[in-house]
N, C-alpha and C. Protein backbone atom coordinates (compact mmCIF):
# COMPACT_ATOMS: atom_id res chain seq x y z
N MET A 1 91.00 93.03 1.93
CA MET A 1 91.12 91.71 2.16
C MET A 1 91.59 91.41 3.76
N ARG A 2 91.03 90.65 4.33
CA ARG A 2 91.25 90.38 5.84
C ARG A 2 92.38 89.33 5.85
N PHE A 3 93.27 89.73 7.15
CA PHE A 3 94.30 88.73 7.26
C PHE A 3 95.16 88.58 5.98
N PRO A 4 95.62 89.45 5.36
CA PRO A 4 96.79 89.37 4.12
C PRO A 4 97.57 88.46 4.62
N LYS A 5 98.30 88.63 5.58
CA LYS A 5 99.53 88.01 5.90
C LYS A 5 99.47 86.60 6.19
N LEU A 6 98.42 86.20 6.76
CA LEU A 6 97.84 84.93 7.00
C LEU A 6 97.69 84.09 5.49
N ARG A 7 96.74 84.86 4.78
CA ARG A 7 96.62 84.35 3.48
C ARG A 7 97.97 84.07 2.66
N MET A 8 98.82 84.99 2.67
CA MET A 8 99.99 84.96 2.06
C MET A 8 101.06 83.82 2.33
N GLY A 9 100.82 83.46 4.07
CA GLY A 9 101.36 82.58 4.68
C GLY A 9 101.07 81.23 4.24
N LEU A 10 99.62 80.78 3.92
CA LEU A 10 99.14 79.64 3.66
C LEU A 10 99.47 79.58 2.12
N PHE A 11 99.49 80.28 1.18
CA PHE A 11 99.92 80.24 -0.08
C PHE A 11 101.49 80.01 -0.30
N MET A 12 102.14 80.40 0.54
CA MET A 12 103.78 80.34 0.56
C MET A 12 103.93 78.86 0.79
N VAL A 13 103.24 78.23 2.11
CA VAL A 13 103.65 76.91 2.55
C VAL A 13 103.05 75.83 1.41
N ALA A 14 101.93 76.13 0.90
CA ALA A 14 101.10 75.08 -0.11
C ALA A 14 102.26 75.22 -1.36
N ALA A 15 102.47 76.34 -1.74
CA ALA A 15 103.25 76.36 -3.13
C ALA A 15 104.77 75.97 -2.99
N SER A 16 105.34 76.23 -1.64
CA SER A 16 106.59 75.67 -1.49
C SER A 16 106.67 74.25 -1.40
N VAL A 17 105.72 73.69 -0.72
CA VAL A 17 105.62 72.35 -0.64
C VAL A 17 105.50 71.45 -2.22
N LEU A 18 104.81 72.07 -2.94
CA LEU A 18 104.84 71.73 -4.45
C LEU A 18 106.15 71.90 -5.20
N GLY A 19 106.52 73.18 -5.04
CA GLY A 19 107.72 73.55 -5.70
C GLY A 19 108.79 72.70 -5.30
N TYR A 20 109.23 72.25 -4.04
CA TYR A 20 110.03 71.32 -3.39
C TYR A 20 109.75 69.91 -4.30
N TRP A 21 108.71 69.20 -4.33
CA TRP A 21 108.61 68.14 -4.90
C TRP A 21 108.85 68.22 -6.46
N LEU A 22 108.56 69.20 -6.89
CA LEU A 22 108.83 69.36 -8.57
C LEU A 22 110.39 69.37 -8.58
N LEU A 23 111.04 70.18 -7.92
CA LEU A 23 112.64 70.22 -7.65
C LEU A 23 113.07 68.84 -7.62
N LEU A 24 112.69 68.06 -6.52
CA LEU A 24 113.10 66.66 -6.35
C LEU A 24 113.04 65.90 -7.76
N ALA A 25 111.92 66.18 -8.36
CA ALA A 25 111.61 65.21 -9.56
C ALA A 25 112.41 65.48 -10.66
N ALA A 26 112.67 66.91 -10.90
CA ALA A 26 113.75 67.43 -11.78
C ALA A 26 114.99 67.14 -11.64
N GLY A 27 115.52 67.11 -10.47
CA GLY A 27 116.69 66.37 -10.24
C GLY A 27 116.99 64.92 -9.96
N ASP A 28 115.90 64.37 -10.47
CA ASP A 28 115.97 62.86 -10.53
C ASP A 28 116.35 62.27 -9.09
N ARG A 29 115.62 62.65 -7.94
CA ARG A 29 115.87 62.47 -6.78
C ARG A 29 114.75 61.88 -6.12
N LEU A 30 113.85 61.26 -7.02
CA LEU A 30 112.68 60.51 -6.43
C LEU A 30 112.55 58.79 -6.66
N GLY A 31 113.82 58.48 -6.69
CA GLY A 31 114.09 56.91 -7.04
C GLY A 31 113.80 56.35 -8.44
N PRO A 32 113.70 55.15 -8.47
CA PRO A 32 113.67 54.69 -9.88
C PRO A 32 112.30 54.92 -10.77
N ASP A 33 111.31 55.27 -9.87
CA ASP A 33 110.11 55.70 -10.67
C ASP A 33 109.64 56.89 -10.08
N PRO A 34 110.09 58.21 -10.51
CA PRO A 34 109.78 59.24 -9.91
C PRO A 34 108.50 59.88 -10.31
N GLY A 35 107.82 59.13 -11.26
CA GLY A 35 106.60 59.64 -11.89
C GLY A 35 105.46 59.05 -10.90
N LYS A 36 105.87 57.82 -10.39
CA LYS A 36 104.82 57.24 -9.64
C LYS A 36 104.73 57.89 -8.13
N VAL A 37 105.96 58.26 -7.92
CA VAL A 37 106.20 58.74 -6.49
C VAL A 37 105.62 60.19 -6.55
N LEU A 38 105.62 60.87 -7.57
CA LEU A 38 104.96 62.17 -7.63
C LEU A 38 103.45 62.04 -7.81
N VAL A 39 102.77 61.10 -8.35
CA VAL A 39 101.58 60.84 -8.45
C VAL A 39 100.98 60.57 -6.98
N ASP A 40 101.78 59.59 -6.31
CA ASP A 40 101.18 59.39 -4.94
C ASP A 40 101.47 60.63 -3.97
N TRP A 41 102.63 61.38 -3.92
CA TRP A 41 102.50 62.72 -3.17
C TRP A 41 101.59 63.72 -3.49
N LEU A 42 101.19 64.00 -4.56
CA LEU A 42 100.26 64.84 -4.95
C LEU A 42 98.78 64.61 -4.43
N GLY A 43 98.45 63.24 -4.62
CA GLY A 43 97.29 62.59 -4.01
C GLY A 43 97.18 62.72 -2.59
N GLN A 44 98.27 62.21 -1.93
CA GLN A 44 98.14 62.42 -0.46
C GLN A 44 98.17 63.92 -0.11
N GLY A 45 98.96 64.88 -0.58
CA GLY A 45 98.77 66.25 -0.65
C GLY A 45 97.46 66.53 -0.51
N ALA A 46 96.58 66.21 -1.56
CA ALA A 46 95.26 66.86 -1.95
C ALA A 46 94.49 66.39 -0.68
N LEU A 47 94.68 65.36 -0.16
CA LEU A 47 93.73 64.55 0.71
C LEU A 47 94.34 65.05 2.09
N THR A 48 95.40 65.58 2.34
CA THR A 48 95.66 66.32 3.44
C THR A 48 95.14 67.57 3.64
N LEU A 49 95.12 68.33 2.46
CA LEU A 49 94.49 69.73 2.43
C LEU A 49 93.42 69.56 2.39
N LEU A 50 92.48 68.56 1.85
CA LEU A 50 91.07 68.43 2.25
C LEU A 50 90.72 68.27 3.69
N LEU A 51 91.56 67.69 4.44
CA LEU A 51 91.28 67.25 5.66
C LEU A 51 91.49 68.59 6.52
N LEU A 52 92.49 69.27 6.14
CA LEU A 52 92.71 70.64 6.67
C LEU A 52 91.66 71.47 6.66
N THR A 53 90.96 71.55 5.71
CA THR A 53 90.07 72.43 4.96
C THR A 53 88.64 71.96 6.01
N LEU A 54 88.49 70.69 6.02
CA LEU A 54 87.21 70.33 6.92
C LEU A 54 87.40 70.50 8.36
N SER A 55 88.55 70.76 8.70
CA SER A 55 88.95 70.99 10.15
C SER A 55 88.60 72.41 10.38
N MET A 56 88.48 73.24 9.49
CA MET A 56 88.35 74.61 9.58
C MET A 56 87.19 75.10 10.59
N THR A 57 86.21 74.28 10.20
CA THR A 57 84.68 74.89 10.90
C THR A 57 84.66 74.37 12.33
N PRO A 58 84.97 73.07 12.51
CA PRO A 58 85.09 72.52 13.92
C PRO A 58 85.93 73.37 14.74
N LEU A 59 86.94 73.78 14.17
CA LEU A 59 87.90 74.67 14.98
C LEU A 59 87.39 76.07 15.39
N ARG A 60 86.68 76.60 14.49
CA ARG A 60 86.16 77.75 14.66
C ARG A 60 84.71 77.66 15.68
N LEU A 61 84.19 76.45 15.71
CA LEU A 61 83.01 76.26 16.90
C LEU A 61 83.56 75.86 18.19
N LEU A 62 84.81 75.33 17.99
CA LEU A 62 85.38 75.07 19.30
C LEU A 62 86.15 76.09 19.80
N THR A 63 86.61 77.07 19.26
CA THR A 63 87.53 78.03 19.70
C THR A 63 86.60 79.61 19.80
N GLY A 64 85.51 79.80 18.82
CA GLY A 64 85.03 80.84 18.60
C GLY A 64 85.58 81.98 17.98
N TRP A 65 86.76 81.45 17.24
CA TRP A 65 87.72 82.51 16.50
C TRP A 65 87.43 82.32 14.92
N PRO A 66 86.84 83.48 14.38
CA PRO A 66 86.69 83.46 12.85
C PRO A 66 87.76 83.44 11.99
N ILE A 67 88.93 83.58 12.55
CA ILE A 67 90.08 83.26 11.72
C ILE A 67 90.39 82.20 10.78
N TRP A 68 89.68 80.94 11.57
CA TRP A 68 89.86 79.70 10.99
C TRP A 68 89.08 79.58 9.64
N ILE A 69 87.83 80.29 9.37
CA ILE A 69 87.12 80.33 8.36
C ILE A 69 87.79 81.09 7.10
N ILE A 70 88.70 82.18 7.64
CA ILE A 70 89.57 82.89 6.87
C ILE A 70 90.29 81.87 5.75
N CYS A 71 90.94 80.79 6.38
CA CYS A 71 91.87 79.79 5.96
C CYS A 71 90.97 78.88 4.97
N ARG A 72 89.73 78.66 5.33
CA ARG A 72 88.97 77.37 4.79
C ARG A 72 89.01 77.29 3.15
N ARG A 73 88.52 78.56 2.89
CA ARG A 73 88.56 78.61 1.25
C ARG A 73 89.80 78.51 0.41
N GLN A 74 90.67 79.06 1.03
CA GLN A 74 92.02 79.02 0.56
C GLN A 74 92.79 77.45 0.49
N LEU A 75 92.46 76.91 1.57
CA LEU A 75 93.04 75.53 1.87
C LEU A 75 91.96 74.55 0.78
N GLY A 76 90.89 74.73 0.71
CA GLY A 76 90.21 74.16 -0.35
C GLY A 76 90.46 74.29 -1.68
N LEU A 77 90.69 75.43 -2.09
CA LEU A 77 91.39 75.75 -3.51
C LEU A 77 92.56 75.06 -3.63
N TRP A 78 93.53 75.16 -2.63
CA TRP A 78 94.86 74.25 -2.73
C TRP A 78 94.45 72.62 -3.05
N SER A 79 93.48 72.26 -2.22
CA SER A 79 93.21 70.94 -2.07
C SER A 79 92.92 70.38 -3.60
N ALA A 80 92.03 71.22 -4.09
CA ALA A 80 91.41 70.98 -5.65
C ALA A 80 92.45 70.94 -6.66
N PHE A 81 93.35 72.04 -6.41
CA PHE A 81 94.66 72.02 -7.21
C PHE A 81 95.46 71.05 -7.13
N TYR A 82 96.03 70.61 -5.94
CA TYR A 82 96.77 69.32 -5.78
C TYR A 82 95.93 68.03 -6.26
N ALA A 83 94.93 68.07 -6.32
CA ALA A 83 93.97 66.90 -6.74
C ALA A 83 93.99 66.96 -8.16
N PHE A 84 93.86 68.24 -9.00
CA PHE A 84 94.20 68.19 -10.71
C PHE A 84 95.59 67.66 -10.97
N LEU A 85 96.27 68.22 -10.26
CA LEU A 85 97.87 67.94 -10.63
C LEU A 85 98.20 66.45 -10.30
N HIS A 86 97.45 65.64 -9.31
CA HIS A 86 97.47 64.31 -9.27
C HIS A 86 96.89 63.64 -10.47
N LEU A 87 95.88 64.18 -11.19
CA LEU A 87 95.18 63.42 -12.14
C LEU A 87 96.14 63.84 -13.35
N LEU A 88 96.83 64.94 -13.44
CA LEU A 88 97.60 65.43 -14.49
C LEU A 88 98.79 64.46 -14.57
N ALA A 89 99.32 64.23 -13.53
CA ALA A 89 100.60 63.45 -13.25
C ALA A 89 100.31 62.04 -13.55
N PHE A 90 99.26 61.36 -13.21
CA PHE A 90 98.67 60.29 -13.51
C PHE A 90 98.65 59.97 -14.99
N LEU A 91 97.90 60.97 -15.87
CA LEU A 91 97.66 60.70 -17.28
C LEU A 91 99.22 60.71 -17.64
N THR A 92 100.13 61.71 -17.28
CA THR A 92 101.45 61.85 -17.78
C THR A 92 102.38 60.59 -17.73
N PHE A 93 102.51 60.47 -16.35
CA PHE A 93 103.77 59.40 -15.99
C PHE A 93 103.27 58.08 -16.04
N ILE A 94 101.87 57.92 -15.75
CA ILE A 94 101.31 56.41 -15.74
C ILE A 94 100.75 55.87 -16.95
N LEU A 95 99.90 56.80 -17.66
CA LEU A 95 99.12 56.29 -18.78
C LEU A 95 99.82 57.08 -20.22
N GLY A 96 100.70 57.86 -20.14
CA GLY A 96 101.42 58.53 -21.09
C GLY A 96 100.46 59.15 -22.03
N TRP A 97 99.39 59.62 -21.61
CA TRP A 97 98.07 60.49 -22.36
C TRP A 97 97.65 59.29 -23.31
N ASN A 98 97.55 58.21 -22.90
CA ASN A 98 97.02 57.24 -23.76
C ASN A 98 95.41 57.03 -23.36
N PHE A 99 94.44 57.47 -23.96
CA PHE A 99 93.26 57.77 -23.52
C PHE A 99 92.41 56.46 -23.79
N GLU A 100 92.76 55.59 -24.82
CA GLU A 100 91.97 54.19 -24.99
C GLU A 100 92.48 53.46 -23.42
N ARG A 101 93.78 53.67 -23.21
CA ARG A 101 94.33 52.82 -22.02
C ARG A 101 93.44 53.60 -20.74
N LEU A 102 93.39 54.84 -20.72
CA LEU A 102 92.19 55.35 -19.86
C LEU A 102 91.05 54.88 -19.57
N ALA A 103 90.27 54.67 -20.69
CA ALA A 103 88.95 54.09 -20.81
C ALA A 103 88.92 52.75 -20.12
N LYS A 104 89.87 52.14 -20.56
CA LYS A 104 90.27 50.67 -20.37
C LYS A 104 90.27 50.54 -18.63
N GLU A 105 91.05 51.38 -18.09
CA GLU A 105 91.53 51.46 -16.65
C GLU A 105 90.66 51.88 -15.91
N LEU A 106 89.62 52.86 -16.40
CA LEU A 106 88.27 53.24 -15.61
C LEU A 106 87.47 52.06 -15.52
N LEU A 107 87.35 51.11 -16.55
CA LEU A 107 86.39 50.12 -16.43
C LEU A 107 87.06 48.98 -15.26
N GLU A 108 88.30 48.78 -15.64
CA GLU A 108 88.74 47.63 -15.00
C GLU A 108 89.29 47.63 -13.51
N ARG A 109 89.34 49.11 -13.04
CA ARG A 109 90.27 49.45 -11.84
C ARG A 109 89.24 50.36 -11.30
N PRO A 110 88.55 49.84 -10.35
CA PRO A 110 87.36 50.78 -9.43
C PRO A 110 87.87 51.68 -8.93
N TYR A 111 89.22 51.73 -8.34
CA TYR A 111 89.91 53.00 -7.57
C TYR A 111 90.29 54.01 -8.42
N ILE A 112 90.51 53.86 -9.62
CA ILE A 112 90.56 55.11 -10.69
C ILE A 112 89.33 55.46 -10.95
N PHE A 113 88.13 54.93 -10.92
CA PHE A 113 86.92 55.54 -11.33
C PHE A 113 86.50 56.34 -10.16
N VAL A 114 86.74 55.66 -8.71
CA VAL A 114 86.12 56.40 -7.66
C VAL A 114 87.03 57.68 -7.64
N GLY A 115 88.33 57.55 -7.62
CA GLY A 115 89.09 58.83 -7.80
C GLY A 115 88.41 59.81 -8.79
N PHE A 116 88.40 59.31 -10.09
CA PHE A 116 87.96 60.34 -10.91
C PHE A 116 86.39 60.87 -10.65
N VAL A 117 85.76 60.41 -10.12
CA VAL A 117 84.26 60.83 -9.52
C VAL A 117 84.69 61.81 -8.55
N ALA A 118 85.43 61.55 -7.58
CA ALA A 118 85.86 62.50 -6.48
C ALA A 118 86.39 63.66 -7.13
N LEU A 119 87.02 63.67 -8.00
CA LEU A 119 87.67 64.89 -8.69
C LEU A 119 86.80 65.76 -9.51
N THR A 120 85.67 64.89 -10.09
CA THR A 120 85.04 65.73 -10.81
C THR A 120 83.90 66.52 -9.74
N GLY A 121 83.78 65.82 -8.73
CA GLY A 121 82.76 66.41 -7.63
C GLY A 121 83.27 67.76 -7.09
N LEU A 122 84.81 67.97 -7.49
CA LEU A 122 85.30 69.19 -6.80
C LEU A 122 85.24 70.39 -7.71
N VAL A 123 84.91 69.91 -8.86
CA VAL A 123 84.58 71.08 -10.06
C VAL A 123 83.61 72.21 -9.76
N PRO A 124 82.13 71.79 -9.20
CA PRO A 124 81.43 72.52 -8.73
C PRO A 124 81.63 73.55 -7.59
N LEU A 125 82.44 72.80 -6.69
CA LEU A 125 82.74 73.47 -5.43
C LEU A 125 83.95 74.48 -5.86
N VAL A 126 84.83 74.15 -6.41
CA VAL A 126 85.69 75.15 -6.91
C VAL A 126 85.07 76.45 -7.70
N VAL A 127 84.27 76.06 -8.78
CA VAL A 127 83.65 77.22 -9.58
C VAL A 127 82.77 78.17 -8.51
N THR A 128 82.29 77.46 -7.47
CA THR A 128 81.17 78.30 -6.75
C THR A 128 81.84 78.90 -5.33
N SER A 129 83.19 78.90 -5.35
CA SER A 129 83.61 79.05 -4.00
C SER A 129 83.77 80.63 -3.86
N ASN A 130 83.36 81.47 -4.79
CA ASN A 130 83.21 82.98 -4.41
C ASN A 130 82.12 83.64 -3.97
N ARG A 131 82.34 84.85 -3.36
CA ARG A 131 81.22 85.36 -2.80
C ARG A 131 79.91 85.63 -3.83
N THR A 132 80.21 85.57 -4.91
CA THR A 132 79.04 86.10 -5.96
C THR A 132 78.34 84.77 -6.02
N SER A 133 78.86 83.60 -6.06
CA SER A 133 78.03 82.31 -6.10
C SER A 133 77.31 82.24 -4.76
N MET A 134 77.86 82.44 -3.72
CA MET A 134 77.34 82.53 -2.40
C MET A 134 75.93 83.28 -2.13
N ARG A 135 76.04 84.34 -2.84
CA ARG A 135 74.99 85.20 -2.65
C ARG A 135 73.95 84.65 -3.75
N TYR A 136 74.35 84.57 -4.88
CA TYR A 136 73.46 84.07 -6.12
C TYR A 136 72.73 82.54 -5.51
N LEU A 137 73.34 81.70 -4.97
CA LEU A 137 72.76 80.40 -4.58
C LEU A 137 72.25 80.40 -3.37
N GLY A 138 72.33 81.23 -2.45
CA GLY A 138 71.67 81.40 -1.05
C GLY A 138 71.96 79.99 -0.41
N ARG A 139 70.80 79.53 0.21
CA ARG A 139 70.80 78.38 0.78
C ARG A 139 71.30 77.12 -0.08
N ARG A 140 70.92 77.27 -1.25
CA ARG A 140 71.53 75.90 -2.16
C ARG A 140 72.92 75.97 -2.41
N TRP A 141 73.60 77.24 -1.99
CA TRP A 141 75.24 77.04 -1.81
C TRP A 141 75.78 76.30 -0.90
N VAL A 142 75.01 76.01 0.44
CA VAL A 142 75.37 75.25 1.63
C VAL A 142 74.94 73.98 1.21
N ARG A 143 73.83 73.60 0.59
CA ARG A 143 73.69 72.19 0.00
C ARG A 143 74.91 71.60 -0.74
N LEU A 144 75.05 72.42 -1.77
CA LEU A 144 76.20 72.08 -2.72
C LEU A 144 77.27 71.80 -2.07
N HIS A 145 77.76 72.73 -1.30
CA HIS A 145 79.16 72.30 -0.80
C HIS A 145 79.27 71.13 0.51
N ARG A 146 77.86 70.79 0.83
CA ARG A 146 78.13 69.42 1.53
C ARG A 146 78.48 68.14 0.83
N LEU A 147 78.57 68.44 -0.49
CA LEU A 147 79.10 67.43 -1.41
C LEU A 147 80.57 67.07 -1.02
N VAL A 148 81.30 67.93 -0.31
CA VAL A 148 82.52 67.71 0.20
C VAL A 148 82.84 66.82 1.06
N TYR A 149 81.64 66.39 1.83
CA TYR A 149 81.70 64.98 2.75
C TYR A 149 81.74 63.86 1.84
N VAL A 150 81.04 63.80 0.90
CA VAL A 150 81.04 62.45 -0.10
C VAL A 150 82.24 62.77 -0.72
N ILE A 151 82.81 63.50 -1.21
CA ILE A 151 84.23 63.68 -1.98
C ILE A 151 85.09 63.07 -0.86
N LEU A 152 84.89 63.39 0.25
CA LEU A 152 86.22 62.99 1.41
C LEU A 152 86.18 61.47 1.34
N VAL A 153 84.96 60.78 1.54
CA VAL A 153 84.57 59.25 1.57
C VAL A 153 85.18 58.69 0.31
N LEU A 154 84.93 59.31 -0.84
CA LEU A 154 85.41 58.88 -2.16
C LEU A 154 86.91 58.63 -2.01
N ALA A 155 87.51 59.99 -1.73
CA ALA A 155 89.02 60.03 -1.65
C ALA A 155 89.56 58.99 -0.62
N LEU A 156 88.86 58.82 0.37
CA LEU A 156 89.52 57.70 1.34
C LEU A 156 89.44 56.40 0.81
N LEU A 157 88.35 56.16 0.06
CA LEU A 157 88.08 54.62 -0.62
C LEU A 157 89.10 54.43 -1.49
N HIS A 158 89.43 55.62 -2.48
CA HIS A 158 90.10 55.58 -3.55
C HIS A 158 91.51 55.22 -2.99
N MET A 159 91.88 55.89 -2.00
CA MET A 159 93.38 55.64 -1.39
C MET A 159 93.43 54.23 -0.69
N LEU A 160 92.41 53.63 -0.07
CA LEU A 160 92.39 52.37 0.39
C LEU A 160 92.78 51.31 -0.53
N TRP A 161 92.09 51.55 -1.79
CA TRP A 161 92.00 50.58 -2.97
C TRP A 161 93.78 50.80 -3.34
N VAL A 162 94.37 51.84 -3.37
CA VAL A 162 95.70 52.26 -3.88
C VAL A 162 96.63 51.56 -2.92
N VAL A 163 96.14 51.89 -1.61
CA VAL A 163 97.64 51.38 -0.65
C VAL A 163 96.98 50.03 0.28
N ARG A 164 96.19 49.22 -0.31
CA ARG A 164 95.65 48.09 0.51
C ARG A 164 96.64 47.34 1.34
N SER A 165 97.80 47.34 0.94
CA SER A 165 98.76 46.35 1.40
C SER A 165 99.39 47.21 2.65
N ASP A 166 99.10 48.33 3.08
CA ASP A 166 99.75 49.38 3.87
C ASP A 166 98.67 50.10 4.68
N LEU A 167 97.81 49.33 5.49
CA LEU A 167 96.64 49.90 6.14
C LEU A 167 97.06 50.69 6.92
N GLY A 168 98.26 50.86 7.93
CA GLY A 168 98.57 51.83 8.63
C GLY A 168 98.83 53.15 7.84
N ARG A 169 99.20 53.36 6.94
CA ARG A 169 99.43 54.48 6.04
C ARG A 169 98.07 55.03 5.75
N TRP A 170 97.05 54.19 5.23
CA TRP A 170 95.56 54.79 5.06
C TRP A 170 94.93 55.28 6.29
N LEU A 171 95.29 54.60 7.32
CA LEU A 171 94.53 55.08 8.73
C LEU A 171 95.07 56.42 9.03
N ILE A 172 96.09 56.64 8.85
CA ILE A 172 96.86 58.10 9.13
C ILE A 172 95.73 59.32 8.73
N TYR A 173 95.11 58.98 7.44
CA TYR A 173 94.22 59.70 7.00
C TYR A 173 92.53 59.59 7.43
N ALA A 174 92.37 58.15 7.26
CA ALA A 174 91.15 57.94 7.56
C ALA A 174 90.63 58.12 8.79
N VAL A 175 91.32 58.06 10.10
CA VAL A 175 91.01 58.33 11.48
C VAL A 175 90.58 59.79 11.21
N PRO A 176 91.27 60.88 10.99
CA PRO A 176 90.99 62.02 11.06
C PRO A 176 89.68 62.21 10.24
N GLY A 177 89.63 61.64 9.08
CA GLY A 177 88.57 61.76 8.17
C GLY A 177 87.19 61.31 9.06
N VAL A 178 87.08 60.23 9.61
CA VAL A 178 86.14 59.91 10.13
C VAL A 178 85.61 60.57 11.32
N VAL A 179 86.75 61.29 11.95
CA VAL A 179 86.35 62.31 13.29
C VAL A 179 85.78 63.43 12.78
N LEU A 180 86.11 64.15 11.30
CA LEU A 180 85.72 65.09 10.92
C LEU A 180 84.34 65.11 10.39
N LEU A 181 84.09 63.89 9.97
CA LEU A 181 82.40 63.62 9.48
C LEU A 181 81.69 63.44 10.61
N ALA A 182 82.20 63.04 11.84
CA ALA A 182 81.45 62.82 13.15
C ALA A 182 81.06 63.98 13.65
N VAL A 183 81.84 64.98 13.71
CA VAL A 183 81.56 66.06 14.06
C VAL A 183 80.54 67.15 13.50
N ARG A 184 80.37 66.64 12.38
CA ARG A 184 79.15 67.20 11.65
C ARG A 184 77.73 66.90 11.94
N PHE A 185 77.66 66.05 12.85
CA PHE A 185 76.44 65.68 13.28
C PHE A 185 75.73 66.80 14.19
N PRO A 186 74.60 67.06 14.10
CA PRO A 186 74.16 68.29 14.89
C PRO A 186 74.43 68.31 16.42
N VAL A 187 74.47 66.97 17.01
CA VAL A 187 74.67 66.89 18.44
C VAL A 187 76.03 67.41 18.70
N MET A 188 76.86 67.03 17.73
CA MET A 188 78.51 67.30 18.04
C MET A 188 78.40 68.92 17.85
N VAL A 189 77.91 69.44 16.78
CA VAL A 189 77.98 70.77 16.43
C VAL A 189 77.51 71.70 17.95
N ARG A 190 76.39 71.17 18.22
CA ARG A 190 75.91 71.98 19.69
C ARG A 190 76.94 71.68 20.78
N LEU A 191 77.58 70.63 20.95
CA LEU A 191 78.68 70.42 21.86
C LEU A 191 79.81 71.39 21.49
N LEU A 192 80.28 71.48 20.53
CA LEU A 192 81.32 72.10 20.38
C LEU A 192 81.11 73.68 20.61
N SER A 193 80.06 73.99 19.98
CA SER A 193 79.60 75.67 20.22
C SER A 193 79.42 75.74 21.82
N LEU A 194 78.90 74.83 22.40
CA LEU A 194 78.58 75.28 24.01
C LEU A 194 80.06 75.32 24.78
N ASN A 195 80.92 74.55 24.12
CA ASN A 195 82.25 74.43 24.73
C ASN A 195 82.81 75.74 24.45
N ALA A 196 82.63 76.29 23.30
CA ALA A 196 83.59 77.59 22.77
C ALA A 196 82.74 78.73 23.55
N ARG A 197 81.37 78.67 23.86
CA ARG A 197 80.80 79.66 24.85
C ARG A 197 81.29 79.58 26.32
N ALA A 198 81.48 78.31 26.46
CA ALA A 198 81.95 78.18 28.17
C ALA A 198 83.23 78.82 28.41
N GLY A 199 84.11 78.51 27.26
CA GLY A 199 85.34 78.95 27.48
C GLY A 199 85.66 80.44 27.24
N LYS A 200 84.69 81.15 26.97
CA LYS A 200 84.91 82.50 26.86
C LYS A 200 84.76 83.34 27.80
N PRO A 201 85.54 84.35 28.21
CA PRO A 201 85.80 85.00 29.41
C PRO A 201 84.48 86.00 29.47
N LYS A 202 83.76 85.85 30.97
CA LYS A 202 82.65 86.76 31.15
C LYS A 202 82.78 87.95 31.64
């Protein structure tokens, strides 16, 4: 395993944040509606980790350092884990595992449907995030994992609907998201690569 200390550090940070939130919830320190707070935090945590995941490739192109790619898979898996916990918390604290109400909410509240679609899209990415799947799928693996850009757009749309009265809060996530999508255009990829090569000592 390459860079084991880095991997362990990422694991400890992501797990510690989650553990701290759960500790606050268990100690009744999240206000009058701790369930809703936990749902919100988990969703924002998942989106933050997704943005960090998508920033790894541009950072690698910009610096020429492969260490960023080492972080990418682990950050992506943590993003998915937080997202699934977000759904679990929503089902538990908001819906009380009432599936009839869930069906109604999916039909009547578009932001829930959009969030559910985004979460569903994460499943094939998690399942195929290993080297075996990369070898088996070949170029199809790259095409499949481009689905993450659609997931980011859906996640931002989901959040916009949820916090529509607090646009500034949404922009904290939307602006980096737009930048990370923009740098995927071929011309931007070439510029980042040229900058990395120009910065290397001769």
